[in-house]
N, C-alpha and C. Protein backbone atom coordinates (compact mmCIF):
# COMPACT_ATOMS: atom_id res chain seq x y z
N MET A 1 -47.45 -157.10 46.45
CA MET A 1 -48.43 -156.62 47.52
C MET A 1 -49.53 -156.26 47.18
N SER A 2 -50.59 -156.61 48.03
CA SER A 2 -52.33 -156.33 47.62
C SER A 2 -52.83 -155.67 48.57
N VAL A 3 -54.01 -155.05 48.31
CA VAL A 3 -54.89 -154.30 49.28
C VAL A 3 -55.74 -155.28 49.80
N VAL A 4 -55.89 -155.42 51.22
CA VAL A 4 -56.95 -156.30 51.97
C VAL A 4 -57.53 -155.59 52.63
N ARG A 5 -58.81 -156.19 53.13
CA ARG A 5 -59.82 -155.44 53.85
C ARG A 5 -60.08 -156.90 54.89
N ILE A 6 -60.02 -156.22 56.27
CA ILE A 6 -60.26 -157.23 57.41
C ILE A 6 -61.68 -157.55 57.46
N LEU A 7 -61.97 -158.78 57.51
CA LEU A 7 -63.38 -158.93 57.84
C LEU A 7 -63.83 -159.19 59.09
N GLY A 8 -62.79 -159.53 59.89
CA GLY A 8 -62.95 -159.89 61.36
C GLY A 8 -62.03 -160.81 62.19
N PHE A 9 -61.96 -161.07 63.26
CA PHE A 9 -61.08 -161.91 63.96
C PHE A 9 -61.57 -162.55 65.06
N SER A 10 -60.99 -163.57 65.63
CA SER A 10 -61.40 -164.41 66.51
C SER A 10 -60.22 -165.13 67.28
N THR A 11 -60.47 -165.45 68.79
CA THR A 11 -59.46 -165.96 69.30
C THR A 11 -59.93 -167.70 69.45
N LEU A 12 -58.85 -168.48 69.06
CA LEU A 12 -59.02 -169.73 68.91
C LEU A 12 -59.00 -170.44 70.66
N SER A 13 -59.25 -171.57 70.75
CA SER A 13 -59.33 -172.31 71.96
C SER A 13 -58.03 -172.31 72.49
N CYS A 14 -56.85 -172.40 71.55
CA CYS A 14 -55.54 -172.53 72.10
C CYS A 14 -55.00 -171.14 72.56
N GLY A 15 -55.52 -170.26 72.29
CA GLY A 15 -55.22 -168.66 72.60
C GLY A 15 -54.63 -167.98 71.68
N CYS A 16 -54.66 -168.38 70.36
CA CYS A 16 -54.03 -167.84 69.20
C CYS A 16 -55.12 -166.42 68.85
N VAL A 17 -54.77 -165.76 68.07
CA VAL A 17 -55.66 -164.93 67.51
C VAL A 17 -55.63 -164.75 66.03
N VAL A 18 -56.45 -165.05 65.59
CA VAL A 18 -56.62 -165.27 63.61
C VAL A 18 -57.35 -164.01 63.41
N GLY A 19 -57.00 -163.60 62.29
CA GLY A 19 -57.91 -162.50 61.44
C GLY A 19 -58.06 -163.08 60.28
N ARG A 20 -59.36 -162.59 59.75
CA ARG A 20 -59.62 -163.00 58.36
C ARG A 20 -60.00 -162.00 57.20
N TYR A 21 -58.97 -161.78 56.20
CA TYR A 21 -58.97 -161.04 55.21
C TYR A 21 -59.75 -161.04 53.97
N ARG A 22 -59.97 -160.00 53.06
CA ARG A 22 -60.10 -160.44 51.75
C ARG A 22 -59.45 -159.59 50.66
N ASP A 23 -58.86 -159.98 49.71
CA ASP A 23 -57.85 -159.57 48.80
C ASP A 23 -58.78 -158.73 47.90
N ILE A 24 -58.72 -157.32 47.79
CA ILE A 24 -59.89 -156.74 47.21
C ILE A 24 -59.54 -156.93 45.71
N ALA A 25 -58.44 -157.53 44.85
CA ALA A 25 -58.54 -157.48 43.73
C ALA A 25 -58.73 -158.87 42.98
N SER A 26 -58.64 -159.86 43.92
CA SER A 26 -59.28 -161.23 43.54
C SER A 26 -60.31 -161.68 44.44
N THR A 27 -60.65 -161.09 45.46
CA THR A 27 -61.89 -161.46 46.46
C THR A 27 -61.44 -162.71 47.17
N ARG A 28 -60.30 -163.19 46.99
CA ARG A 28 -59.78 -164.44 48.00
C ARG A 28 -59.94 -164.32 49.32
N GLU A 29 -60.11 -164.78 49.92
CA GLU A 29 -60.08 -164.72 51.27
C GLU A 29 -58.92 -165.77 52.07
N VAL A 30 -58.38 -164.96 53.25
CA VAL A 30 -57.18 -165.42 53.73
C VAL A 30 -57.07 -165.38 55.28
N THR A 31 -56.83 -166.38 56.01
CA THR A 31 -56.89 -166.35 57.34
C THR A 31 -55.17 -166.12 57.87
N TYR A 32 -55.08 -165.21 58.78
CA TYR A 32 -53.62 -165.27 59.36
C TYR A 32 -53.79 -165.19 60.80
N VAL A 33 -52.80 -165.73 61.18
CA VAL A 33 -52.34 -165.67 62.60
C VAL A 33 -51.64 -164.54 63.09
N GLU A 34 -52.53 -163.78 63.94
CA GLU A 34 -51.91 -162.36 64.18
C GLU A 34 -51.12 -162.31 65.41
N GLU A 35 -51.40 -163.35 66.62
CA GLU A 35 -50.70 -163.46 67.67
C GLU A 35 -50.98 -165.00 68.05
N LYS A 36 -49.79 -165.43 68.29
CA LYS A 36 -49.79 -167.17 68.73
C LYS A 36 -49.97 -166.84 70.40
N GLY A 37 -50.87 -167.81 70.65
CA GLY A 37 -51.14 -167.84 72.16
C GLY A 37 -49.95 -168.49 73.00
N ALA A 38 -49.92 -167.99 74.44
CA ALA A 38 -48.98 -168.43 75.19
C ALA A 38 -48.65 -170.01 75.52
N GLY A 39 -49.83 -170.94 75.39
CA GLY A 39 -50.03 -171.85 75.63
C GLY A 39 -50.35 -173.03 74.49
N CYS A 40 -50.30 -172.45 73.41
CA CYS A 40 -50.49 -173.08 71.79
C CYS A 40 -49.32 -173.92 71.68
N GLU A 41 -49.57 -175.21 71.26
CA GLU A 41 -48.82 -176.31 71.05
C GLU A 41 -48.92 -176.65 69.66
N SER A 42 -49.41 -175.88 68.71
CA SER A 42 -49.57 -176.25 67.29
C SER A 42 -48.54 -175.63 66.49
N HIS A 43 -47.85 -176.55 65.76
CA HIS A 43 -46.84 -176.00 65.21
C HIS A 43 -47.34 -175.18 63.70
N ALA A 44 -48.57 -175.33 63.51
CA ALA A 44 -49.34 -174.77 62.15
C ALA A 44 -49.46 -173.07 62.59
N HIS A 45 -49.45 -173.05 63.81
CA HIS A 45 -49.80 -171.34 64.16
C HIS A 45 -48.51 -170.80 64.32
N ARG A 46 -48.09 -169.98 63.54
CA ARG A 46 -46.84 -168.90 63.31
C ARG A 46 -47.59 -167.67 63.24
N ARG A 47 -46.78 -166.88 63.78
CA ARG A 47 -47.36 -165.31 63.91
C ARG A 47 -47.26 -165.05 62.66
N ASN A 48 -47.82 -164.30 61.74
CA ASN A 48 -47.98 -163.31 60.33
C ASN A 48 -47.80 -164.60 59.32
N HIS A 49 -48.32 -165.88 59.56
CA HIS A 49 -48.47 -166.82 58.35
C HIS A 49 -49.90 -167.12 58.25
N THR A 50 -50.27 -167.80 57.09
CA THR A 50 -51.67 -168.10 56.87
C THR A 50 -51.83 -169.43 57.60
N VAL A 51 -53.04 -169.66 57.95
CA VAL A 51 -53.43 -170.77 58.49
C VAL A 51 -54.66 -171.35 57.65
N SER A 52 -54.89 -172.85 57.52
CA SER A 52 -55.92 -173.46 56.66
C SER A 52 -56.97 -174.02 57.68
N ALA A 53 -58.31 -173.74 57.11
CA ALA A 53 -59.46 -174.31 57.88
C ALA A 53 -59.39 -175.55 58.04
N GLU A 54 -58.71 -176.51 57.30
CA GLU A 54 -58.81 -178.05 57.17
C GLU A 54 -57.93 -178.46 58.35
N ARG A 55 -56.88 -177.51 58.79
CA ARG A 55 -55.89 -177.96 59.73
C ARG A 55 -56.39 -177.54 61.07
N GLU A 56 -57.59 -176.65 61.08
CA GLU A 56 -58.09 -176.37 62.56
C GLU A 56 -59.26 -176.96 62.83
N LYS A 57 -59.47 -178.02 62.47
CA LYS A 57 -60.70 -178.78 62.80
C LYS A 57 -61.04 -179.25 64.29
N PHE A 58 -59.75 -179.29 64.88
CA PHE A 58 -59.83 -179.48 66.43
C PHE A 58 -60.10 -177.85 67.13
N ALA A 59 -60.15 -176.92 66.69
CA ALA A 59 -60.40 -175.66 67.38
C ALA A 59 -61.80 -175.56 67.68
N ALA A 60 -62.01 -174.96 68.80
CA ALA A 60 -63.43 -174.85 69.32
C ALA A 60 -64.14 -173.74 68.53
N VAL A 61 -63.49 -172.82 67.90
CA VAL A 61 -64.14 -171.84 67.41
C VAL A 61 -63.92 -171.86 65.82
N SER A 62 -64.81 -171.96 65.18
CA SER A 62 -64.63 -172.31 63.65
C SER A 62 -64.11 -170.48 62.95
N LEU A 63 -62.93 -170.95 61.95
CA LEU A 63 -62.64 -169.79 61.54
C LEU A 63 -63.34 -168.90 60.55
N THR A 64 -64.54 -169.45 60.14
CA THR A 64 -65.68 -168.72 59.17
C THR A 64 -66.33 -167.97 60.33
N THR A 65 -66.45 -168.38 61.59
CA THR A 65 -67.39 -167.69 62.68
C THR A 65 -66.59 -166.77 63.33
N MET A 66 -66.51 -165.49 62.89
CA MET A 66 -65.80 -164.48 63.60
C MET A 66 -66.56 -163.49 64.59
N THR A 67 -65.61 -163.33 65.90
CA THR A 67 -66.48 -162.57 66.80
C THR A 67 -66.53 -161.34 66.88
N ALA A 68 -65.89 -160.83 66.00
CA ALA A 68 -65.98 -159.20 65.79
C ALA A 68 -65.94 -158.64 64.37
N ARG A 69 -66.57 -157.85 63.93
CA ARG A 69 -66.47 -157.64 62.52
C ARG A 69 -65.65 -156.20 62.45
N ALA A 70 -65.09 -156.16 61.06
CA ALA A 70 -64.63 -154.63 60.97
C ALA A 70 -65.76 -153.83 60.32
N SER A 71 -65.61 -152.69 60.55
CA SER A 71 -66.55 -151.80 60.13
C SER A 71 -66.09 -151.25 58.93
């Protein structure tokens, strides 16, 4: 288990909410699906699992562009 800091979150065009986190010890960034959208048909979007930016090229919102930032 490691300590992470939230960098921000975003809602994808499919309705899923994703959060981007940074591992404090390694400075690695990870993107998790926080909540799956009701109409989402992507099998890659599973609640509490990581999601890859390469698999999300079809998403209208880039995972690197977060709509809100943690303070």
